[in-house]
């Protein structure tokens, strides 16, 4: 299993550096056949100094054995980033649509949603006030503002009066 991980690491680093297997094998003074088997994930037993020479030739320091707790955290962060990007993309597509539609019923529906938040006190006053300001703008200006919300963008998109538009 360790040899498979090293083989994958070696291949990725070799490709990143634009090296051919022959070139790396010569530089590390190992057989091309050993290198090929490692990269394919079908290694025969390999001496640790062979791996050391390959990694040194690639100027790579392997991170062996992530703790089992690290993997779920990394996956959760990646999933959160994916959700954030999808939210941003949805809002930017909506902003483009709003920029083309001067008499949008969508804007009226979003204003109703914000008023519902206000009456039910179901959202922070910050979001209610900020979305109220945005929704009061002419559609084209609102579209421009929605595409550049600055450091609050993620939070604004998580508390969005437009969620009905894509659910």
N, C-alpha and C. Protein backbone atom coordinates (compact mmCIF):
# COMPACT_ATOMS: atom_id res chain seq x y z
N UNK A 1 0.82 -1.19 0.00
CA UNK A 1 0.00 0.00 0.00
C UNK A 1 0.87 1.26 0.00
N UNK A 2 1.91 1.29 0.79
CA UNK A 2 2.80 2.44 0.84
C UNK A 2 3.48 2.64 -0.52
N UNK A 3 3.88 1.54 -1.16
CA UNK A 3 4.52 1.65 -2.47
C UNK A 3 3.54 2.22 -3.49
N UNK A 4 2.25 1.86 -3.39
CA UNK A 4 1.24 2.41 -4.31
C UNK A 4 1.11 3.91 -4.13
N UNK A 5 1.06 4.35 -2.86
CA UNK A 5 0.96 5.78 -2.59
C UNK A 5 2.19 6.51 -3.10
N UNK A 6 3.36 5.92 -2.88
CA UNK A 6 4.59 6.55 -3.37
C UNK A 6 4.61 6.59 -4.88
N UNK A 7 4.15 5.51 -5.52
CA UNK A 7 4.10 5.47 -6.98
C UNK A 7 3.22 6.57 -7.54
N UNK A 8 2.08 6.78 -6.91
CA UNK A 8 1.17 7.84 -7.36
C UNK A 8 1.81 9.22 -7.16
N UNK A 9 2.43 9.42 -6.00
CA UNK A 9 3.11 10.67 -5.70
C UNK A 9 4.23 10.93 -6.70
N UNK A 10 5.00 9.89 -7.00
CA UNK A 10 6.12 10.02 -7.94
C UNK A 10 5.61 10.38 -9.33
N UNK A 11 4.57 9.70 -9.78
CA UNK A 11 4.04 9.97 -11.12
C UNK A 11 3.52 11.41 -11.21
N UNK A 12 2.75 11.82 -10.21
CA UNK A 12 2.20 13.19 -10.22
C UNK A 12 3.32 14.22 -10.27
N UNK A 13 4.36 14.01 -9.45
CA UNK A 13 5.47 14.97 -9.42
C UNK A 13 6.24 14.94 -10.74
N UNK A 14 6.44 13.76 -11.31
CA UNK A 14 7.17 13.65 -12.58
C UNK A 14 6.42 14.37 -13.68
N UNK A 15 5.11 14.15 -13.76
CA UNK A 15 4.29 14.79 -14.80
C UNK A 15 4.28 16.30 -14.60
N UNK A 16 4.14 16.75 -13.34
CA UNK A 16 4.16 18.18 -13.03
C UNK A 16 5.45 18.83 -13.50
N UNK A 17 6.56 18.12 -13.35
CA UNK A 17 7.85 18.67 -13.74
C UNK A 17 8.15 18.46 -15.23
N UNK A 18 7.25 17.76 -15.93
CA UNK A 18 7.42 17.56 -17.36
C UNK A 18 8.54 16.59 -17.71
N UNK A 19 8.81 15.64 -16.82
CA UNK A 19 9.87 14.65 -17.07
C UNK A 19 9.30 13.38 -17.67
N UNK A 20 10.08 12.75 -18.53
CA UNK A 20 9.73 11.42 -19.03
C UNK A 20 10.25 10.41 -18.01
N UNK A 21 9.67 9.21 -18.06
CA UNK A 21 10.12 8.16 -17.14
C UNK A 21 11.61 7.91 -17.31
N UNK A 22 12.08 7.85 -18.56
CA UNK A 22 13.50 7.58 -18.81
C UNK A 22 14.39 8.62 -18.14
N UNK A 23 13.97 9.90 -18.24
CA UNK A 23 14.77 10.98 -17.66
C UNK A 23 14.85 10.87 -16.15
N UNK A 24 13.71 10.61 -15.52
CA UNK A 24 13.70 10.48 -14.07
C UNK A 24 14.49 9.27 -13.62
N UNK A 25 14.32 8.16 -14.33
CA UNK A 25 15.05 6.93 -13.98
C UNK A 25 16.56 7.18 -14.02
N UNK A 26 17.04 7.85 -15.06
CA UNK A 26 18.48 8.16 -15.15
C UNK A 26 18.92 9.06 -14.01
N UNK A 27 18.15 10.11 -13.77
CA UNK A 27 18.50 11.08 -12.73
C UNK A 27 18.56 10.41 -11.35
N UNK A 28 17.64 9.48 -11.09
CA UNK A 28 17.58 8.82 -9.79
C UNK A 28 18.41 7.54 -9.74
N UNK A 29 18.99 7.16 -10.87
CA UNK A 29 19.79 5.94 -10.99
C UNK A 29 18.99 4.71 -10.57
N UNK A 30 17.79 4.59 -11.16
CA UNK A 30 16.96 3.41 -10.95
C UNK A 30 16.53 2.90 -12.32
N UNK A 31 16.09 1.67 -12.35
CA UNK A 31 15.63 1.10 -13.61
C UNK A 31 14.29 1.72 -14.01
N UNK A 32 14.11 1.94 -15.32
CA UNK A 32 12.85 2.47 -15.82
C UNK A 32 11.72 1.48 -15.55
N UNK A 33 12.01 0.20 -15.58
CA UNK A 33 10.99 -0.83 -15.33
C UNK A 33 10.46 -0.72 -13.89
N UNK A 34 11.35 -0.50 -12.94
CA UNK A 34 10.94 -0.34 -11.53
C UNK A 34 10.06 0.90 -11.40
N UNK A 35 10.49 2.00 -12.03
CA UNK A 35 9.73 3.24 -11.98
C UNK A 35 8.35 3.05 -12.61
N UNK A 36 8.29 2.39 -13.75
CA UNK A 36 7.03 2.14 -14.43
C UNK A 36 6.08 1.32 -13.56
N UNK A 37 6.59 0.26 -12.93
CA UNK A 37 5.75 -0.58 -12.06
C UNK A 37 5.22 0.23 -10.87
N UNK A 38 6.08 1.05 -10.29
CA UNK A 38 5.65 1.89 -9.17
C UNK A 38 4.51 2.81 -9.60
N UNK A 39 4.69 3.49 -10.72
CA UNK A 39 3.69 4.45 -11.17
C UNK A 39 2.37 3.78 -11.56
N UNK A 40 2.43 2.53 -11.99
CA UNK A 40 1.22 1.80 -12.36
C UNK A 40 0.50 1.23 -11.14
N UNK A 41 1.12 1.32 -9.98
CA UNK A 41 0.51 0.78 -8.78
C UNK A 41 0.65 -0.72 -8.65
N UNK A 42 1.59 -1.30 -9.40
CA UNK A 42 1.82 -2.75 -9.35
C UNK A 42 3.28 -3.02 -8.96
N UNK A 43 3.72 -2.47 -7.86
CA UNK A 43 5.13 -2.63 -7.54
C UNK A 43 5.47 -4.01 -6.98
N UNK A 44 6.64 -4.46 -7.36
CA UNK A 44 7.24 -5.58 -6.66
C UNK A 44 7.93 -4.94 -5.47
N UNK A 45 8.39 -5.72 -4.52
CA UNK A 45 9.08 -5.09 -3.39
C UNK A 45 10.19 -4.15 -3.88
N UNK A 46 10.21 -2.96 -3.31
CA UNK A 46 11.17 -1.93 -3.70
C UNK A 46 11.94 -1.51 -2.46
N UNK A 47 13.24 -1.37 -2.62
CA UNK A 47 14.05 -0.93 -1.49
C UNK A 47 13.76 0.54 -1.20
N UNK A 48 13.83 0.87 0.06
CA UNK A 48 13.51 2.24 0.45
C UNK A 48 14.48 3.25 -0.16
N UNK A 49 15.74 2.84 -0.38
CA UNK A 49 16.67 3.80 -0.98
C UNK A 49 16.30 4.10 -2.43
N UNK A 50 15.61 3.18 -3.12
CA UNK A 50 15.13 3.43 -4.48
C UNK A 50 14.07 4.54 -4.43
N UNK A 51 13.15 4.41 -3.49
CA UNK A 51 12.13 5.45 -3.33
C UNK A 51 12.78 6.78 -2.94
N UNK A 52 13.76 6.70 -2.04
CA UNK A 52 14.46 7.92 -1.61
C UNK A 52 15.11 8.63 -2.79
N UNK A 53 15.77 7.87 -3.66
CA UNK A 53 16.45 8.47 -4.82
C UNK A 53 15.44 9.09 -5.78
N UNK A 54 14.33 8.41 -6.01
CA UNK A 54 13.29 8.96 -6.90
C UNK A 54 12.71 10.25 -6.33
N UNK A 55 12.38 10.22 -5.06
CA UNK A 55 11.80 11.41 -4.43
C UNK A 55 12.80 12.56 -4.38
N UNK A 56 14.07 12.25 -4.12
CA UNK A 56 15.10 13.29 -4.10
C UNK A 56 15.28 13.88 -5.49
N UNK A 57 15.27 13.04 -6.52
CA UNK A 57 15.43 13.53 -7.90
C UNK A 57 14.27 14.46 -8.27
N UNK A 58 13.10 14.22 -7.70
CA UNK A 58 11.93 15.05 -7.97
C UNK A 58 11.80 16.23 -7.01
N UNK A 59 12.68 16.26 -6.01
CA UNK A 59 12.65 17.29 -4.97
C UNK A 59 11.30 17.30 -4.26
N UNK A 60 10.86 16.09 -3.87
CA UNK A 60 9.56 15.90 -3.21
C UNK A 60 9.78 15.32 -1.83
N UNK A 61 9.03 15.86 -0.86
CA UNK A 61 9.02 15.30 0.49
C UNK A 61 7.65 14.71 0.73
N UNK A 62 7.54 13.39 0.81
CA UNK A 62 6.21 12.78 0.97
C UNK A 62 5.64 13.03 2.35
N UNK A 63 4.31 13.14 2.39
CA UNK A 63 3.59 13.24 3.66
C UNK A 63 2.96 11.86 3.86
N UNK A 64 3.58 11.03 4.63
CA UNK A 64 3.15 9.66 4.81
C UNK A 64 2.06 9.60 5.86
N UNK A 65 1.03 8.84 5.55
CA UNK A 65 0.00 8.47 6.52
C UNK A 65 -0.75 9.61 7.15
N UNK A 66 -1.71 10.16 6.43
CA UNK A 66 -2.58 11.15 7.05
C UNK A 66 -3.37 10.48 8.15
N UNK A 67 -3.63 11.23 9.20
CA UNK A 67 -4.45 10.66 10.26
C UNK A 67 -5.87 10.47 9.73
N UNK A 68 -6.54 9.50 10.29
CA UNK A 68 -7.89 9.20 9.80
C UNK A 68 -8.84 10.37 10.03
N UNK A 69 -8.55 11.24 10.98
CA UNK A 69 -9.41 12.40 11.24
C UNK A 69 -9.21 13.48 10.19
N UNK A 70 -8.04 13.53 9.55
CA UNK A 70 -7.77 14.57 8.55
C UNK A 70 -8.62 14.40 7.30
N UNK A 71 -8.81 13.20 6.86
CA UNK A 71 -9.50 12.95 5.59
C UNK A 71 -10.94 13.46 5.64
N UNK A 72 -11.75 13.13 6.64
CA UNK A 72 -13.12 13.67 6.67
C UNK A 72 -13.16 15.20 6.75
N UNK A 73 -12.21 15.80 7.47
CA UNK A 73 -12.18 17.26 7.56
C UNK A 73 -11.86 17.87 6.20
N UNK A 74 -10.89 17.29 5.51
CA UNK A 74 -10.55 17.80 4.18
C UNK A 74 -11.73 17.64 3.23
N UNK A 75 -12.39 16.50 3.30
CA UNK A 75 -13.56 16.28 2.44
C UNK A 75 -14.66 17.28 2.76
N UNK A 76 -14.89 17.53 4.03
CA UNK A 76 -15.93 18.49 4.43
C UNK A 76 -15.59 19.89 3.91
N UNK A 77 -14.31 20.28 4.00
CA UNK A 77 -13.91 21.60 3.49
C UNK A 77 -14.09 21.67 1.97
N UNK A 78 -13.74 20.61 1.27
CA UNK A 78 -13.92 20.59 -0.18
C UNK A 78 -15.39 20.66 -0.56
N UNK A 79 -16.24 19.92 0.16
CA UNK A 79 -17.67 19.96 -0.11
C UNK A 79 -18.25 21.35 0.17
N UNK A 80 -17.78 21.98 1.25
CA UNK A 80 -18.25 23.32 1.58
C UNK A 80 -17.83 24.31 0.49
N UNK A 81 -16.60 24.18 0.01
CA UNK A 81 -16.12 25.06 -1.06
C UNK A 81 -16.93 24.85 -2.33
N UNK A 82 -17.27 23.62 -2.64
CA UNK A 82 -18.08 23.33 -3.81
C UNK A 82 -19.47 23.97 -3.68
N UNK A 83 -20.09 23.84 -2.50
CA UNK A 83 -21.39 24.47 -2.28
C UNK A 83 -21.30 25.98 -2.43
N UNK A 84 -20.24 26.58 -1.89
CA UNK A 84 -20.04 28.03 -1.98
C UNK A 84 -19.92 28.46 -3.44
N UNK A 85 -19.14 27.72 -4.22
CA UNK A 85 -18.98 28.07 -5.63
C UNK A 85 -20.29 27.93 -6.40
N UNK A 86 -21.06 26.89 -6.08
CA UNK A 86 -22.35 26.71 -6.75
C UNK A 86 -23.29 27.87 -6.42
N UNK A 87 -23.31 28.29 -5.14
CA UNK A 87 -24.16 29.41 -4.75
C UNK A 87 -23.76 30.67 -5.51
N UNK A 88 -22.46 30.91 -5.58
CA UNK A 88 -21.97 32.10 -6.29
C UNK A 88 -22.37 32.04 -7.76
N UNK A 89 -22.18 30.88 -8.37
CA UNK A 89 -22.52 30.74 -9.78
C UNK A 89 -24.01 30.97 -10.01
N UNK A 90 -24.85 30.41 -9.15
CA UNK A 90 -26.30 30.62 -9.29
C UNK A 90 -26.65 32.10 -9.22
N UNK A 91 -26.06 32.79 -8.22
CA UNK A 91 -26.36 34.20 -8.06
C UNK A 91 -25.84 35.03 -9.23
N UNK A 92 -24.69 34.68 -9.75
CA UNK A 92 -24.16 35.44 -10.88
C UNK A 92 -25.01 35.21 -12.14
N UNK A 93 -25.46 33.98 -12.33
CA UNK A 93 -26.37 33.71 -13.47
C UNK A 93 -27.67 34.49 -13.30
N UNK A 94 -28.18 34.51 -12.09
CA UNK A 94 -29.40 35.26 -11.81
C UNK A 94 -29.17 36.75 -12.06
N UNK A 95 -28.03 37.26 -11.63
CA UNK A 95 -27.70 38.67 -11.85
C UNK A 95 -27.69 39.00 -13.34
N UNK A 96 -27.16 38.10 -14.14
CA UNK A 96 -27.15 38.32 -15.59
C UNK A 96 -28.58 38.38 -16.11
N UNK A 97 -29.42 37.46 -15.67
CA UNK A 97 -30.82 37.45 -16.09
C UNK A 97 -31.53 38.74 -15.66
N UNK A 98 -31.27 39.20 -14.46
CA UNK A 98 -31.93 40.41 -13.96
C UNK A 98 -31.48 41.64 -14.74
N UNK A 99 -30.24 41.63 -15.17
CA UNK A 99 -29.73 42.76 -15.94
C UNK A 99 -30.44 42.90 -17.27
N UNK A 100 -31.03 41.83 -17.77
CA UNK A 100 -31.72 41.85 -19.06
C UNK A 100 -33.22 42.08 -18.92
N UNK A 101 -33.75 42.02 -17.71
CA UNK A 101 -35.19 42.05 -17.53
C UNK A 101 -35.58 43.22 -16.62
N UNK A 102 -35.97 44.34 -17.23
CA UNK A 102 -36.28 45.54 -16.45
C UNK A 102 -37.56 45.41 -15.60
N UNK A 103 -38.51 44.57 -15.97
CA UNK A 103 -39.76 44.45 -15.22
C UNK A 103 -39.87 43.06 -14.62
N UNK A 104 -38.97 42.74 -13.75
CA UNK A 104 -38.86 41.38 -13.26
C UNK A 104 -39.81 41.08 -12.11
N UNK A 105 -40.60 40.04 -12.33
CA UNK A 105 -41.44 39.53 -11.24
C UNK A 105 -40.56 38.85 -10.20
N UNK A 106 -39.38 38.43 -10.62
CA UNK A 106 -38.44 37.79 -9.70
C UNK A 106 -38.04 38.76 -8.59
N UNK A 107 -37.80 40.00 -8.96
CA UNK A 107 -37.41 41.00 -7.96
C UNK A 107 -38.53 41.18 -6.94
N UNK A 108 -39.75 41.25 -7.40
CA UNK A 108 -40.90 41.41 -6.50
C UNK A 108 -40.99 40.22 -5.54
N UNK A 109 -40.78 39.03 -6.07
CA UNK A 109 -40.83 37.84 -5.22
C UNK A 109 -39.71 37.85 -4.19
N UNK A 110 -38.51 38.28 -4.59
CA UNK A 110 -37.39 38.37 -3.65
C UNK A 110 -37.67 39.40 -2.56
N UNK A 111 -38.30 40.53 -2.96
CA UNK A 111 -38.67 41.56 -1.97
C UNK A 111 -39.67 40.98 -0.96
N UNK A 112 -40.62 40.20 -1.44
CA UNK A 112 -41.59 39.56 -0.54
C UNK A 112 -40.89 38.64 0.45
N UNK A 113 -39.90 37.91 -0.04
CA UNK A 113 -39.15 36.99 0.83
C UNK A 113 -38.45 37.77 1.94
N UNK A 114 -37.82 38.90 1.59
CA UNK A 114 -37.13 39.71 2.60
C UNK A 114 -38.13 40.28 3.60
N UNK A 115 -39.27 40.70 3.13
CA UNK A 115 -40.29 41.21 4.05
C UNK A 115 -40.79 40.11 4.98
N UNK A 116 -40.88 38.90 4.49
CA UNK A 116 -41.25 37.75 5.32
C UNK A 116 -40.20 37.52 6.41
N UNK A 117 -38.93 37.64 6.02
CA UNK A 117 -37.85 37.53 7.02
C UNK A 117 -38.03 38.59 8.11
N UNK A 118 -38.33 39.81 7.65
CA UNK A 118 -38.47 40.93 8.59
C UNK A 118 -39.64 40.68 9.54
N UNK A 119 -40.79 40.30 9.02
CA UNK A 119 -41.97 40.13 9.87
C UNK A 119 -41.84 38.92 10.81
N UNK A 120 -41.19 37.88 10.35
CA UNK A 120 -41.00 36.69 11.20
C UNK A 120 -39.73 36.75 12.04
N UNK A 121 -38.94 37.78 11.82
CA UNK A 121 -37.62 37.91 12.47
C UNK A 121 -36.83 36.60 12.32
N UNK A 122 -36.87 36.07 11.11
CA UNK A 122 -36.24 34.77 10.84
C UNK A 122 -34.84 34.89 10.24
N UNK A 123 -34.36 36.11 10.13
CA UNK A 123 -33.03 36.32 9.57
C UNK A 123 -32.41 37.53 10.26
N UNK A 124 -31.12 37.57 10.26
CA UNK A 124 -30.42 38.68 10.90
C UNK A 124 -30.81 40.01 10.26
N UNK A 125 -30.96 41.05 11.08
CA UNK A 125 -31.27 42.38 10.53
C UNK A 125 -30.24 42.84 9.49
N UNK A 126 -28.99 42.41 9.64
CA UNK A 126 -27.97 42.79 8.66
C UNK A 126 -28.37 42.32 7.26
N UNK A 127 -28.76 41.05 7.14
CA UNK A 127 -29.13 40.51 5.83
C UNK A 127 -30.41 41.15 5.31
N UNK A 128 -31.34 41.37 6.20
CA UNK A 128 -32.60 42.00 5.80
C UNK A 128 -32.33 43.39 5.24
N UNK A 129 -31.53 44.18 5.96
CA UNK A 129 -31.22 45.54 5.51
C UNK A 129 -30.41 45.53 4.21
N UNK A 130 -29.40 44.68 4.15
CA UNK A 130 -28.53 44.65 2.95
C UNK A 130 -29.31 44.18 1.73
N UNK A 131 -30.12 43.12 1.86
CA UNK A 131 -30.91 42.67 0.71
C UNK A 131 -31.98 43.69 0.35
N UNK A 132 -32.55 44.36 1.33
CA UNK A 132 -33.55 45.40 1.03
C UNK A 132 -32.92 46.51 0.21
N UNK A 133 -31.71 46.91 0.56
CA UNK A 133 -30.99 47.95 -0.20
C UNK A 133 -30.73 47.48 -1.63
N UNK A 134 -30.26 46.24 -1.76
CA UNK A 134 -29.97 45.72 -3.10
C UNK A 134 -31.23 45.63 -3.96
N UNK A 135 -32.31 45.12 -3.36
CA UNK A 135 -33.55 44.92 -4.11
C UNK A 135 -34.25 46.23 -4.46
N UNK A 136 -33.86 47.32 -3.82
CA UNK A 136 -34.44 48.63 -4.13
C UNK A 136 -33.77 49.26 -5.35
N UNK A 137 -32.65 48.71 -5.77
CA UNK A 137 -31.92 49.26 -6.92
C UNK A 137 -32.60 48.86 -8.23
N UNK A 138 -32.36 49.66 -9.28
CA UNK A 138 -32.83 49.23 -10.60
C UNK A 138 -32.16 47.89 -10.96
N UNK A 139 -32.84 47.02 -11.70
CA UNK A 139 -32.33 45.67 -11.96
C UNK A 139 -30.89 45.60 -12.46
N UNK A 140 -30.51 46.44 -13.40
CA UNK A 140 -29.14 46.37 -13.91
C UNK A 140 -28.11 46.74 -12.84
N UNK A 141 -28.41 47.77 -12.06
CA UNK A 141 -27.50 48.16 -10.99
C UNK A 141 -27.46 47.08 -9.90
N UNK A 142 -28.64 46.51 -9.60
CA UNK A 142 -28.70 45.42 -8.62
C UNK A 142 -27.84 44.25 -9.09
N UNK A 143 -27.91 43.93 -10.37
CA UNK A 143 -27.12 42.83 -10.92
C UNK A 143 -25.63 43.10 -10.74
N UNK A 144 -25.20 44.33 -11.00
CA UNK A 144 -23.78 44.68 -10.81
C UNK A 144 -23.38 44.55 -9.34
N UNK A 145 -24.24 45.02 -8.45
CA UNK A 145 -23.95 44.95 -7.02
C UNK A 145 -23.89 43.50 -6.53
N UNK A 146 -24.78 42.66 -7.05
CA UNK A 146 -24.78 41.25 -6.65
C UNK A 146 -23.51 40.54 -7.08
N UNK A 147 -22.86 41.04 -8.12
CA UNK A 147 -21.65 40.37 -8.60
C UNK A 147 -20.41 40.83 -7.85
N UNK A 148 -20.56 41.76 -6.92
CA UNK A 148 -19.39 42.23 -6.18
C UNK A 148 -19.78 42.62 -4.75
N UNK A 149 -20.14 41.62 -3.98
CA UNK A 149 -20.57 41.87 -2.60
C UNK A 149 -19.41 41.91 -1.61
N UNK A 150 -18.20 41.69 -2.09
CA UNK A 150 -17.03 41.79 -1.23
C UNK A 150 -16.93 40.66 -0.22
N UNK A 151 -16.39 40.98 0.94
CA UNK A 151 -16.12 39.95 1.95
C UNK A 151 -17.38 39.30 2.51
N UNK A 152 -18.52 39.93 2.33
CA UNK A 152 -19.78 39.37 2.83
C UNK A 152 -20.49 38.51 1.79
N UNK A 153 -19.88 38.33 0.64
CA UNK A 153 -20.54 37.62 -0.45
C UNK A 153 -21.03 36.23 -0.05
N UNK A 154 -20.17 35.43 0.54
CA UNK A 154 -20.58 34.07 0.92
C UNK A 154 -21.77 34.09 1.86
N UNK A 155 -21.71 34.95 2.86
CA UNK A 155 -22.79 35.02 3.83
C UNK A 155 -24.08 35.53 3.18
N UNK A 156 -23.97 36.51 2.31
CA UNK A 156 -25.15 37.04 1.63
C UNK A 156 -25.79 35.97 0.75
N UNK A 157 -24.97 35.17 0.10
CA UNK A 157 -25.51 34.14 -0.78
C UNK A 157 -26.09 32.97 0.02
N UNK A 158 -25.61 32.76 1.23
CA UNK A 158 -26.19 31.71 2.07
C UNK A 158 -27.54 32.15 2.63
N UNK A 159 -27.71 33.45 2.81
CA UNK A 159 -28.97 34.02 3.29
C UNK A 159 -29.58 34.81 2.14
N UNK A 160 -30.06 34.09 1.16
CA UNK A 160 -30.48 34.71 -0.08
C UNK A 160 -31.99 34.67 -0.27
N UNK A 161 -32.57 35.79 -0.71
CA UNK A 161 -34.00 35.80 -1.00
C UNK A 161 -34.30 35.15 -2.37
N UNK A 162 -33.26 34.67 -3.04
CA UNK A 162 -33.43 34.07 -4.36
C UNK A 162 -33.46 32.55 -4.33
N UNK A 163 -33.35 31.93 -3.18
CA UNK A 163 -33.24 30.47 -3.13
C UNK A 163 -34.40 29.77 -3.82
N UNK A 164 -35.56 30.37 -3.82
CA UNK A 164 -36.72 29.78 -4.50
C UNK A 164 -36.48 29.66 -6.01
N UNK A 165 -35.58 30.45 -6.53
CA UNK A 165 -35.35 30.47 -7.98
C UNK A 165 -34.67 29.21 -8.49
N UNK A 166 -34.02 28.45 -7.62
CA UNK A 166 -33.33 27.24 -8.07
C UNK A 166 -33.63 26.02 -7.23
N UNK A 167 -34.66 26.08 -6.41
CA UNK A 167 -35.05 24.87 -5.65
C UNK A 167 -36.24 24.21 -6.27
